[in-house]
Protein backbone atom coordinates (compact mmCIF):
# COMPACT_ATOMS: atom_id res chain seq x y z
CA MET A 1 14.19 -17.15 -40.70
CA ILE A 2 12.28 -14.06 -40.72
CA ILE A 3 8.10 -14.60 -41.10
CA LEU A 4 6.42 -11.39 -42.67
CA SER A 5 3.43 -10.91 -42.21
CA THR A 6 0.90 -9.24 -45.02
CA ARG A 7 -0.62 -5.85 -44.85
CA ARG A 8 -3.50 -6.78 -43.33
CA GLU A 9 -2.83 -9.30 -41.04
CA ARG A 10 -0.44 -6.20 -39.58
CA ILE A 11 -3.67 -3.85 -39.33
CA ILE A 12 -5.39 -6.41 -37.71
CA ASP A 13 -2.16 -6.36 -34.92
CA ILE A 14 -2.01 -2.86 -35.29
CA LEU A 15 -6.04 -2.83 -33.79
CA LYS A 16 -6.00 -5.50 -31.50
CA LYS A 17 -2.86 -3.49 -29.58
CA SER A 18 -4.50 -0.37 -29.72
CA GLY A 19 -7.92 -0.79 -27.46
CA ARG A 20 -9.08 2.59 -28.71
CA PRO A 21 -10.28 3.19 -32.21
CA LEU A 22 -7.70 4.67 -34.44
CA THR A 23 -8.15 6.87 -37.93
CA ILE A 24 -6.70 5.40 -40.89
CA ASN A 25 -3.73 8.18 -40.79
CA GLU A 26 -3.02 6.19 -37.71
CA ILE A 27 -3.10 3.06 -39.43
CA ALA A 28 -1.08 4.73 -42.20
CA TYR A 29 1.40 5.99 -39.07
CA GLU A 30 2.11 2.67 -37.98
CA LEU A 31 2.63 1.28 -41.05
CA GLY A 32 4.99 3.55 -42.60
CA LEU A 33 2.93 5.26 -45.25
CA ASN A 34 3.25 8.45 -46.83
CA ASP A 35 1.60 8.23 -50.50
CA PRO A 36 -1.84 9.21 -50.35
CA LYS A 37 -2.58 7.03 -52.30
CA GLU A 38 -1.52 4.30 -50.55
CA ILE A 39 -3.74 5.77 -47.83
CA LYS A 40 -7.07 5.67 -49.94
CA HIS A 41 -5.85 1.99 -50.47
CA LEU A 42 -6.28 1.24 -46.35
CA TYR A 43 -10.36 1.17 -46.50
CA ASP A 44 -10.32 -1.64 -48.94
CA ASP A 45 -7.60 -3.33 -46.87
CA ILE A 46 -9.86 -2.99 -43.56
CA VAL A 47 -12.15 -4.32 -45.50
CA HIS A 48 -10.64 -7.96 -45.61
CA ALA A 49 -8.85 -7.54 -42.79
CA SER A 50 -12.44 -7.64 -41.20
CA ARG A 51 -13.96 -10.58 -42.67
CA SER A 52 -10.50 -12.57 -42.54
CA LEU A 53 -10.30 -11.46 -38.68
CA GLN A 54 -14.01 -12.31 -38.44
CA ARG A 55 -13.68 -15.76 -40.12
CA ARG A 56 -10.53 -16.88 -37.90
CA SER A 57 -12.00 -15.86 -35.19
CA ASN A 58 -15.69 -17.70 -35.73
CA GLY A 59 -17.31 -14.78 -35.35
CA ARG A 60 -15.64 -13.78 -32.13
CA LEU A 61 -14.22 -10.60 -33.35
CA MET A 62 -15.20 -7.95 -35.60
CA ILE A 63 -14.01 -4.80 -37.16
CA VAL A 64 -16.12 -2.09 -36.63
CA MET A 65 -16.20 1.74 -37.20
CA GLU A 66 -17.03 4.15 -35.70
CA PRO A 67 -18.65 7.24 -38.43
CA PRO A 68 -17.71 9.81 -40.15
CA LYS A 69 -18.84 12.96 -38.71
CA CYS A 70 -19.16 16.86 -39.55
CA ALA A 71 -17.30 18.36 -37.02
CA VAL A 72 -19.22 21.91 -37.20
CA CYS A 73 -22.78 20.20 -36.87
CA GLY A 74 -22.33 17.26 -36.32
CA PHE A 75 -24.09 15.06 -38.32
CA THR A 76 -23.18 11.60 -38.56
CA PHE A 77 -22.03 9.80 -42.15
CA LYS A 78 -24.46 6.82 -41.25
CA GLU A 79 -24.53 5.33 -44.89
CA LEU A 80 -22.01 5.69 -46.53
CA LYS A 81 -21.64 3.18 -49.99
CA ARG A 82 -18.40 2.82 -49.79
CA LEU A 83 -15.84 2.92 -46.94
CA ARG A 84 -14.00 6.70 -46.80
CA LYS A 85 -13.65 10.21 -45.49
CA PRO A 86 -16.77 11.71 -46.88
CA SER A 87 -15.73 15.72 -48.76
CA LYS A 88 -18.28 17.57 -47.07
CA CYS A 89 -21.75 17.30 -45.07
CA PRO A 90 -24.58 17.48 -46.39
CA LYS A 91 -26.42 19.51 -43.74
CA CYS A 92 -23.60 22.52 -43.92
CA ARG A 93 -21.90 22.20 -47.33
CA SER A 94 -18.36 21.90 -44.20
CA GLU A 95 -15.44 19.79 -45.15
CA ARG A 96 -13.87 20.37 -41.85
CA ILE A 97 -15.00 15.61 -41.18
CA LEU A 98 -13.24 13.67 -38.18
CA PRO A 99 -12.64 10.85 -40.72
CA PRO A 100 -13.67 7.07 -39.53
CA ARG A 101 -11.81 5.49 -37.39
CA PHE A 102 -11.54 1.43 -36.35
CA LEU A 103 -11.35 -0.66 -33.31
CA ILE A 104 -11.63 -4.92 -33.24
CA VAL A 105 -14.56 -5.56 -30.52
CA GLU A 106 -15.58 -8.78 -29.47
CA THR A 107 -19.51 -10.33 -30.43
């Protein structure tokens, strides 16, 4: 009997095995996703996977995000209304934005 896990369960597994923060593109590569629309949906999946992980571990494990950062001036996007990679830096207007990175930590 083959048991297939959901995409959110696979995201948690990928982050557990990595041992380092991963970008959304690295997670998408591990999942075998190439479609940009599917990759955008990964942000929602990470939010839900984080809730599931916290609930299943009784609050001992959680997914944390290193916020996106401007590659030119170093501005850090700390207050995002929703999880995503911003398109431009509000400080220098550069489009060279380093994407958010995700990691599982023990609390």
